[in-house]
Amino acid sequence: MKLSDREKELLAAYRQVWPAPIDREITDPGLRLALEIEGFEPFSAVLLDKAAPRIASALHMVLPFTGHLIHSAWSGSGVRALETMTLQGVEAHENSTYFPVPGDICFTVGHAEFTIFYGDASPAMPSGKVRESVFAVIEARLPEFQQACMLTRLTGVRPFTLRFA
């Protein structure tokens, strides 16, 4: 596609005013995470290290991260770790959105939350909407992944581990 000079100017002005679009593009198929949810074969996820470089770097200090998934109270179809995830040096959003899609693996800056979305969701706290930083995406077996998350809603808690694959 060839852009006119005017279209290039308009896009440059747009980038100065609006946040960057969310990036879920898999650019390096070698960087993988394994999400182990009790009762299921591990789910493979692709780390979006180019879209969320500070988060990707900080994960090297905290993985494996083991805890308990609970269902989000305010956000719709999402689960989060009961335990806080402290990512050193991550103080600002990266690759952030208010509109996660099924399979998004996120870090909630300011709340130190590890959150995963499996369906329709609108991240929120009692105080209002929350921005999520998407740092990885589930790459296969999404229906089974959704079942694992739904069972968390139905059973209350589910042990998990996030590790480099």
Protein backbone atom coordinates (compact mmCIF):
# COMPACT_ATOMS: atom_id res chain seq x y z
CA MET A 1 0.00 0.00 0.00
CA LYS A 2 1.38 3.38 -0.95
CA LEU A 3 0.47 6.30 1.30
CA SER A 4 0.24 9.88 0.11
CA ASP A 5 2.26 12.58 1.88
CA ARG A 6 -1.00 13.89 3.40
CA GLU A 7 -1.89 10.42 4.74
CA LYS A 8 1.59 10.10 6.25
CA GLU A 9 1.13 13.49 7.97
CA LEU A 10 -2.28 12.46 9.31
CA LEU A 11 -0.89 9.20 10.71
CA ALA A 12 2.02 11.08 12.34
CA ALA A 13 -0.44 13.50 14.00
CA TYR A 14 -2.59 10.56 15.12
CA ARG A 15 0.41 8.86 16.82
CA GLN A 16 1.09 12.03 18.82
CA VAL A 17 -2.45 12.16 20.23
CA TRP A 18 -3.62 8.54 20.59
CA PRO A 19 -1.94 5.65 22.38
CA ALA A 20 -0.24 3.04 20.25
CA PRO A 21 -2.55 0.26 19.07
CA ILE A 22 -2.27 -2.98 21.01
CA ASP A 23 0.32 -5.35 19.54
CA ARG A 24 -0.40 -9.08 19.57
CA GLU A 25 1.85 -9.88 16.61
CA ILE A 26 4.07 -12.89 17.15
CA THR A 27 7.46 -11.78 15.84
CA ASP A 28 9.81 -14.26 17.50
CA PRO A 29 8.40 -17.77 17.70
CA GLY A 30 11.28 -18.83 19.96
CA LEU A 31 10.12 -17.01 23.11
CA ARG A 32 7.55 -19.17 24.85
CA LEU A 33 5.92 -19.39 28.24
CA ALA A 34 4.16 -22.38 29.75
CA LEU A 35 1.02 -21.73 31.77
CA GLU A 36 0.31 -24.73 33.97
CA ILE A 37 -3.20 -24.76 35.43
CA GLU A 38 -4.00 -27.66 37.75
CA GLY A 39 -5.89 -30.42 35.97
CA PHE A 40 -4.86 -29.40 32.43
CA GLU A 41 -1.92 -30.00 30.12
CA PRO A 42 0.27 -26.87 30.07
CA PHE A 43 -0.83 -24.09 27.75
CA SER A 44 1.77 -22.55 25.46
CA ALA A 45 1.96 -18.78 25.22
CA VAL A 46 4.11 -16.48 23.14
CA LEU A 47 5.97 -13.75 25.03
CA LEU A 48 5.49 -10.36 23.34
CA ASP A 49 8.98 -9.17 24.28
CA LYS A 50 9.11 -6.49 21.57
CA ALA A 51 5.73 -5.00 22.52
CA ALA A 52 6.36 -5.20 26.29
CA PRO A 53 10.17 -5.22 26.72
CA ARG A 54 10.35 -4.04 30.36
CA ILE A 55 7.80 -6.63 31.47
CA ALA A 56 9.53 -9.37 29.45
CA SER A 57 12.87 -8.46 31.04
CA ALA A 58 11.42 -8.36 34.57
CA LEU A 59 9.85 -11.80 34.11
CA HIS A 60 13.34 -13.32 34.07
CA MET A 61 13.62 -12.40 37.76
CA VAL A 62 10.24 -13.79 38.90
CA LEU A 63 9.57 -16.89 36.80
CA PRO A 64 8.58 -19.47 37.65
CA PHE A 65 5.66 -17.69 39.30
CA THR A 66 3.43 -20.06 41.26
CA GLY A 67 0.17 -19.24 42.96
CA HIS A 68 -3.59 -19.58 42.88
CA LEU A 69 -5.94 -18.31 40.22
CA ILE A 70 -9.18 -16.72 41.37
CA HIS A 71 -11.92 -15.27 39.22
CA SER A 72 -11.93 -11.51 38.70
CA ALA A 73 -14.70 -9.88 40.69
CA TRP A 74 -15.24 -6.79 38.53
CA SER A 75 -13.78 -7.49 35.11
CA GLY A 76 -15.90 -10.14 33.41
CA SER A 77 -14.28 -13.24 31.94
CA GLY A 78 -10.87 -13.06 33.54
CA VAL A 79 -8.85 -14.75 36.25
CA ARG A 80 -6.01 -13.34 38.28
CA ALA A 81 -3.40 -14.54 40.70
CA LEU A 82 -4.36 -14.28 44.34
CA GLU A 83 -0.68 -13.53 45.02
CA THR A 84 0.88 -10.25 43.88
CA MET A 85 3.41 -10.30 41.04
CA THR A 86 6.18 -7.80 41.67
CA LEU A 87 8.01 -6.83 38.49
CA GLN A 88 11.06 -4.71 39.29
CA GLY A 89 11.44 -1.66 37.03
CA VAL A 90 7.93 -1.89 35.58
CA GLU A 91 6.27 1.36 36.58
CA ALA A 92 4.46 2.30 33.36
CA HIS A 93 2.09 0.54 31.01
CA GLU A 94 3.41 -1.28 27.97
CA ASN A 95 1.27 -2.62 25.15
CA SER A 96 -1.77 -1.64 27.16
CA THR A 97 -5.48 -1.85 26.55
CA TYR A 98 -8.84 -1.47 28.23
CA PHE A 99 -10.16 -4.19 25.90
CA PRO A 100 -8.35 -7.51 26.37
CA VAL A 101 -9.31 -10.46 24.19
CA PRO A 102 -9.46 -14.17 25.04
CA GLY A 103 -5.95 -15.53 25.55
CA ASP A 104 -4.35 -12.24 26.64
CA ILE A 105 -1.88 -12.65 29.51
CA CYS A 106 -1.48 -9.35 31.32
CA PHE A 107 0.20 -7.43 34.10
CA THR A 108 -1.80 -4.74 35.85
CA VAL A 109 0.63 -1.90 36.55
CA GLY A 110 -0.11 -0.16 39.84
CA HIS A 111 -1.86 -3.22 41.28
CA ALA A 112 0.91 -5.82 40.76
CA GLU A 113 -1.61 -8.29 39.36
CA PHE A 114 -1.06 -11.17 36.99
CA THR A 115 -4.30 -11.43 35.01
CA ILE A 116 -5.50 -13.69 32.19
CA PHE A 117 -8.59 -13.11 30.05
CA TYR A 118 -10.66 -15.90 28.53
CA GLY A 119 -13.77 -14.18 27.15
CA ASP A 120 -15.67 -10.90 27.13
CA ALA A 121 -14.00 -8.63 29.64
CA SER A 122 -13.79 -5.03 30.71
CA PRO A 123 -11.02 -4.74 33.32
CA ALA A 124 -12.18 -2.76 36.34
CA MET A 125 -11.85 -2.22 40.05
CA PRO A 126 -14.58 -0.72 42.25
CA SER A 127 -12.98 2.67 41.48
CA GLY A 128 -13.41 2.28 37.70
CA LYS A 129 -11.76 0.95 34.54
CA VAL A 130 -8.28 -0.53 34.66
CA ARG A 131 -5.68 -0.61 31.87
CA GLU A 132 -3.96 -3.96 31.27
CA SER A 133 -0.47 -4.46 29.83
CA VAL A 134 -0.56 -7.46 27.48
CA PHE A 135 2.77 -9.27 27.61
CA ALA A 136 1.89 -12.69 26.18
CA VAL A 137 -0.87 -14.52 24.32
CA ILE A 138 -2.10 -18.11 24.50
CA GLU A 139 -1.27 -19.57 21.09
CA ALA A 140 -3.33 -22.77 20.92
CA ARG A 141 -6.10 -24.79 22.57
CA LEU A 142 -8.11 -21.67 23.42
CA PRO A 143 -11.39 -23.59 24.10
CA GLU A 144 -9.63 -25.82 26.65
CA PHE A 145 -7.94 -22.76 28.19
CA GLN A 146 -11.37 -21.12 28.50
CA GLN A 147 -12.69 -24.22 30.29
CA ALA A 148 -9.83 -24.07 32.79
CA CYS A 149 -10.67 -20.45 33.55
CA MET A 150 -14.43 -21.15 33.74
CA LEU A 151 -13.74 -23.90 36.28
CA THR A 152 -11.88 -21.34 38.37
CA ARG A 153 -15.10 -19.31 38.47
CA LEU A 154 -17.09 -22.40 39.45
CA THR A 155 -14.67 -23.92 41.98
CA GLY A 156 -13.21 -20.75 43.49
CA VAL A 157 -9.46 -21.30 43.22
CA ARG A 158 -7.03 -23.21 41.00
CA PRO A 159 -3.26 -23.63 41.49
CA PHE A 160 -1.08 -22.48 38.59
CA THR A 161 2.51 -21.87 37.54
CA LEU A 162 3.81 -19.55 34.83
CA ARG A 163 7.30 -20.44 33.61
CA PHE A 164 9.55 -20.10 30.61
CA ALA A 165 8.99 -23.07 28.32
